[in-house]
């Protein structure tokens, strides 16, 4: 299908008599890291933000799974020292990574650092650079802000979903205490006694 579309495209170009200058084709997967630490790393290239969703399912090394708190802090502060992460184990694992590009994946709620996480289209991940003493985000400020907003919405949804069963339980308890018709057991006893007195009088 792609070849047929490309053939039609080139045919139109030739018929118009115009020359097309191609500056770039395809999706950029890697970018050169030009910082000082980039020159000393075993690999001076990092995964681009555009290419990360494509290559993420195939990454088996230089990848960590962060809690919502640590992931949010990375987006907010852009660079965090290993000792300053909320989860000490995560900071230690980050320190043990090889110097250079790495990927940080948002861990699902209820999952531990050692749990295996299945990557799919809904997985949230960012490219980072592991330095000598800190972990730095390789994402633009605009992308960081968009991810923070997505995190806020997701956390609010999870909070509401957790509170909903509790609210239903409290409502059921109140209904049990008050009776089906909205009266308390004491009031029901009083009403029953009145009915008995009326029947005895008759």
Protein backbone atom coordinates (compact mmCIF):
# COMPACT_ATOMS: atom_id res chain seq x y z
CA UNK A 1 0.00 0.00 0.00
CA UNK A 2 2.78 2.38 0.92
CA UNK A 3 4.66 1.64 -2.30
CA UNK A 4 1.60 2.38 -4.43
CA UNK A 5 1.03 5.69 -2.64
CA UNK A 6 4.69 6.60 -3.07
CA UNK A 7 4.52 5.77 -6.77
CA UNK A 8 1.48 8.05 -7.20
CA UNK A 9 3.27 10.81 -5.29
CA UNK A 10 6.37 10.69 -7.47
CA UNK A 11 4.23 10.54 -10.64
CA UNK A 12 2.48 13.76 -9.66
CA UNK A 13 5.84 15.43 -8.93
CA UNK A 14 7.24 14.48 -12.34
CA UNK A 15 4.09 15.56 -14.18
CA UNK A 16 4.24 18.96 -12.51
CA UNK A 17 7.86 19.31 -13.52
CA UNK A 18 8.90 20.28 -10.00
CA UNK A 19 11.89 18.91 -8.13
CA UNK A 20 11.30 17.82 -4.56
CA UNK A 21 14.04 18.24 -2.00
CA UNK A 22 13.67 15.71 0.83
CA UNK A 23 15.17 16.96 4.10
CA UNK A 24 14.16 14.06 6.32
CA UNK A 25 12.14 10.87 6.18
CA UNK A 26 10.82 8.59 8.90
CA UNK A 27 10.70 8.82 12.69
CA UNK A 28 13.74 9.96 14.63
CA UNK A 29 14.57 7.25 17.16
CA UNK A 30 17.83 8.53 18.68
CA UNK A 31 19.49 11.86 19.37
CA UNK A 32 23.08 12.68 20.21
CA UNK A 33 23.61 13.77 23.80
CA UNK A 34 25.82 16.83 23.58
CA UNK A 35 26.31 17.51 27.30
CA UNK A 36 29.62 17.00 29.06
CA UNK A 37 28.47 13.72 30.61
CA UNK A 38 27.27 12.57 27.19
CA UNK A 39 30.82 12.50 25.87
CA UNK A 40 31.99 10.26 28.73
CA UNK A 41 29.11 7.76 28.54
CA UNK A 42 29.57 4.38 26.79
CA UNK A 43 26.92 5.52 24.30
CA UNK A 44 26.54 9.20 23.49
CA UNK A 45 23.05 8.76 22.00
CA UNK A 46 19.70 8.82 23.79
CA UNK A 47 16.23 7.69 22.81
CA UNK A 48 14.09 10.51 21.42
CA UNK A 49 10.65 11.28 22.87
CA UNK A 50 9.02 10.52 19.52
CA UNK A 51 10.74 7.16 19.16
CA UNK A 52 10.27 5.96 22.75
CA UNK A 53 6.70 4.58 22.31
CA UNK A 54 7.90 2.50 19.33
CA UNK A 55 10.98 1.02 20.95
CA UNK A 56 9.67 0.74 24.54
CA UNK A 57 8.26 -2.83 24.26
CA UNK A 58 11.70 -4.08 23.20
CA UNK A 59 13.78 -2.43 25.94
CA UNK A 60 15.13 -4.89 28.51
CA UNK A 61 18.07 -2.92 29.99
CA UNK A 62 18.48 0.59 31.39
CA UNK A 63 14.80 0.65 32.37
CA UNK A 64 13.23 1.30 35.79
CA UNK A 65 9.68 1.44 37.12
CA UNK A 66 8.94 4.45 39.34
CA UNK A 67 6.13 5.09 41.79
CA UNK A 68 3.70 7.91 41.05
CA UNK A 69 5.44 10.12 43.65
CA UNK A 70 8.95 9.70 42.21
CA UNK A 71 7.71 9.96 38.62
CA UNK A 72 5.91 13.20 39.47
CA UNK A 73 8.99 14.62 41.18
CA UNK A 74 11.11 13.87 38.11
CA UNK A 75 8.68 15.81 35.92
CA UNK A 76 8.55 18.69 38.39
CA UNK A 77 12.24 19.11 39.23
CA UNK A 78 13.76 17.71 35.98
CA UNK A 79 16.81 16.39 37.85
CA UNK A 80 16.95 14.49 41.15
CA UNK A 81 19.90 13.10 43.08
CA UNK A 82 19.75 9.37 43.75
CA UNK A 83 19.48 9.84 47.53
CA UNK A 84 16.52 12.23 47.19
CA UNK A 85 14.01 9.81 45.69
CA UNK A 86 10.97 8.94 47.82
CA UNK A 87 11.67 5.23 47.41
CA UNK A 88 15.21 4.55 48.57
CA UNK A 89 15.32 1.26 46.61
CA UNK A 90 14.44 3.08 43.41
CA UNK A 91 17.23 5.60 44.02
CA UNK A 92 19.69 2.76 44.56
CA UNK A 93 18.61 0.99 41.38
CA UNK A 94 18.97 4.26 39.46
CA UNK A 95 22.49 4.71 40.84
CA UNK A 96 23.40 1.19 39.68
CA UNK A 97 22.40 1.89 36.06
CA UNK A 98 25.08 2.32 33.45
CA UNK A 99 26.01 5.92 32.73
CA UNK A 100 23.91 7.22 29.84
CA UNK A 101 20.37 6.98 28.50
CA UNK A 102 17.69 5.15 30.47
CA UNK A 103 13.91 4.87 30.52
CA UNK A 104 11.65 5.48 33.52
CA UNK A 105 8.19 3.90 33.39
CA UNK A 106 5.29 4.94 35.62
CA UNK A 107 4.44 1.99 37.85
CA UNK A 108 0.80 1.02 38.33
CA UNK A 109 -0.70 1.60 41.77
CA UNK A 110 -0.32 -1.49 43.94
CA UNK A 111 2.72 -2.75 42.02
CA UNK A 112 6.06 -3.07 43.78
CA UNK A 113 9.46 -2.15 42.38
CA UNK A 114 10.26 -5.81 41.63
CA UNK A 115 6.93 -6.66 39.96
CA UNK A 116 6.94 -7.29 36.21
CA UNK A 117 4.93 -4.70 34.30
CA UNK A 118 3.38 -5.44 30.92
CA UNK A 119 4.04 -2.54 28.57
CA UNK A 120 1.16 -1.49 26.30
CA UNK A 121 -0.19 1.61 24.55
CA UNK A 122 -1.39 3.09 27.85
CA UNK A 123 2.05 2.86 29.50
CA UNK A 124 3.51 6.23 30.51
CA UNK A 125 7.30 6.43 30.15
CA UNK A 126 9.98 9.10 29.75
CA UNK A 127 13.55 9.12 28.54
CA UNK A 128 16.14 10.13 31.14
CA UNK A 129 19.89 10.49 31.43
CA UNK A 130 21.71 8.73 34.23
CA UNK A 131 24.55 10.93 35.39
CA UNK A 132 27.22 10.35 38.03
CA UNK A 133 25.08 11.57 40.92
CA UNK A 134 21.59 12.25 39.58
CA UNK A 135 18.85 11.29 37.17
CA UNK A 136 17.79 13.95 34.65
CA UNK A 137 14.68 14.08 32.48
CA UNK A 138 15.23 14.31 28.72
CA UNK A 139 11.76 15.71 27.99
CA UNK A 140 10.69 19.23 27.04
CA UNK A 141 9.00 21.48 29.60
CA UNK A 142 5.74 21.35 27.62
CA UNK A 143 5.73 17.54 27.58
CA UNK A 144 6.49 17.48 31.32
CA UNK A 145 3.52 19.73 32.00
CA UNK A 146 1.19 17.58 29.88
CA UNK A 147 2.31 14.43 31.68
CA UNK A 148 1.80 16.11 35.08
CA UNK A 149 -1.75 16.98 34.09
CA UNK A 150 -2.38 13.38 32.98
CA UNK A 151 -1.02 12.13 36.30
CA UNK A 152 -3.27 14.50 38.25
CA UNK A 153 -6.36 13.32 36.36
CA UNK A 154 -5.39 9.66 36.81
CA UNK A 155 -4.78 10.06 40.55
CA UNK A 156 -8.12 11.85 41.00
CA UNK A 157 -9.93 9.05 39.14
CA UNK A 158 -8.28 6.35 41.28
CA UNK A 159 -9.15 8.30 44.44
CA UNK A 160 -12.82 8.56 43.45
CA UNK A 161 -12.94 4.87 42.53
CA UNK A 162 -11.52 3.97 45.97
CA UNK A 163 -13.90 6.21 47.88
CA UNK A 164 -17.03 5.06 46.00
CA UNK A 165 -17.30 1.57 47.63
CA UNK A 166 -16.69 3.11 51.06
CA UNK A 167 -19.52 5.60 50.54
CA UNK A 168 -21.86 2.79 49.47
CA UNK A 169 -20.96 0.79 52.59
CA UNK A 170 -21.66 3.76 54.86
CA UNK A 171 -25.01 4.30 53.12
CA UNK A 172 -25.96 0.63 53.52
CA UNK A 173 -25.09 0.78 57.23
CA UNK A 174 -27.25 3.85 57.73
CA UNK A 175 -30.13 2.18 55.90
CA UNK A 176 -29.76 -0.96 58.04
CA UNK A 177 -29.79 1.13 61.20
CA UNK A 178 -32.74 3.25 60.15
CA UNK A 179 -34.78 0.46 58.50
CA UNK A 180 -36.12 0.24 54.99
CA UNK A 181 -38.68 3.02 55.55
CA UNK A 182 -36.16 5.43 57.06
CA UNK A 183 -37.15 4.94 60.73
CA UNK A 184 -34.96 3.72 63.55
CA UNK A 185 -35.59 0.39 65.34
CA UNK A 186 -36.79 2.31 68.43
CA UNK A 187 -39.37 4.19 66.39
CA UNK A 188 -40.51 0.93 64.81
CA UNK A 189 -41.02 -0.60 68.29
CA UNK A 190 -43.10 2.38 69.36
CA UNK A 191 -45.29 2.11 66.27
CA UNK A 192 -45.76 -1.63 66.82
CA UNK A 193 -46.81 -1.04 70.46
CA UNK A 194 -49.35 1.57 69.37
CA UNK A 195 -50.88 -0.90 66.90
CA UNK A 196 -51.07 -3.54 69.63
CA UNK A 197 -52.83 -1.11 72.04
CA UNK A 198 -55.35 -0.16 69.33
CA UNK A 199 -56.10 -3.83 68.59
CA UNK A 200 -56.53 -4.58 72.30
CA UNK A 201 -58.96 -1.66 72.72
CA UNK A 202 -61.07 -2.81 69.79
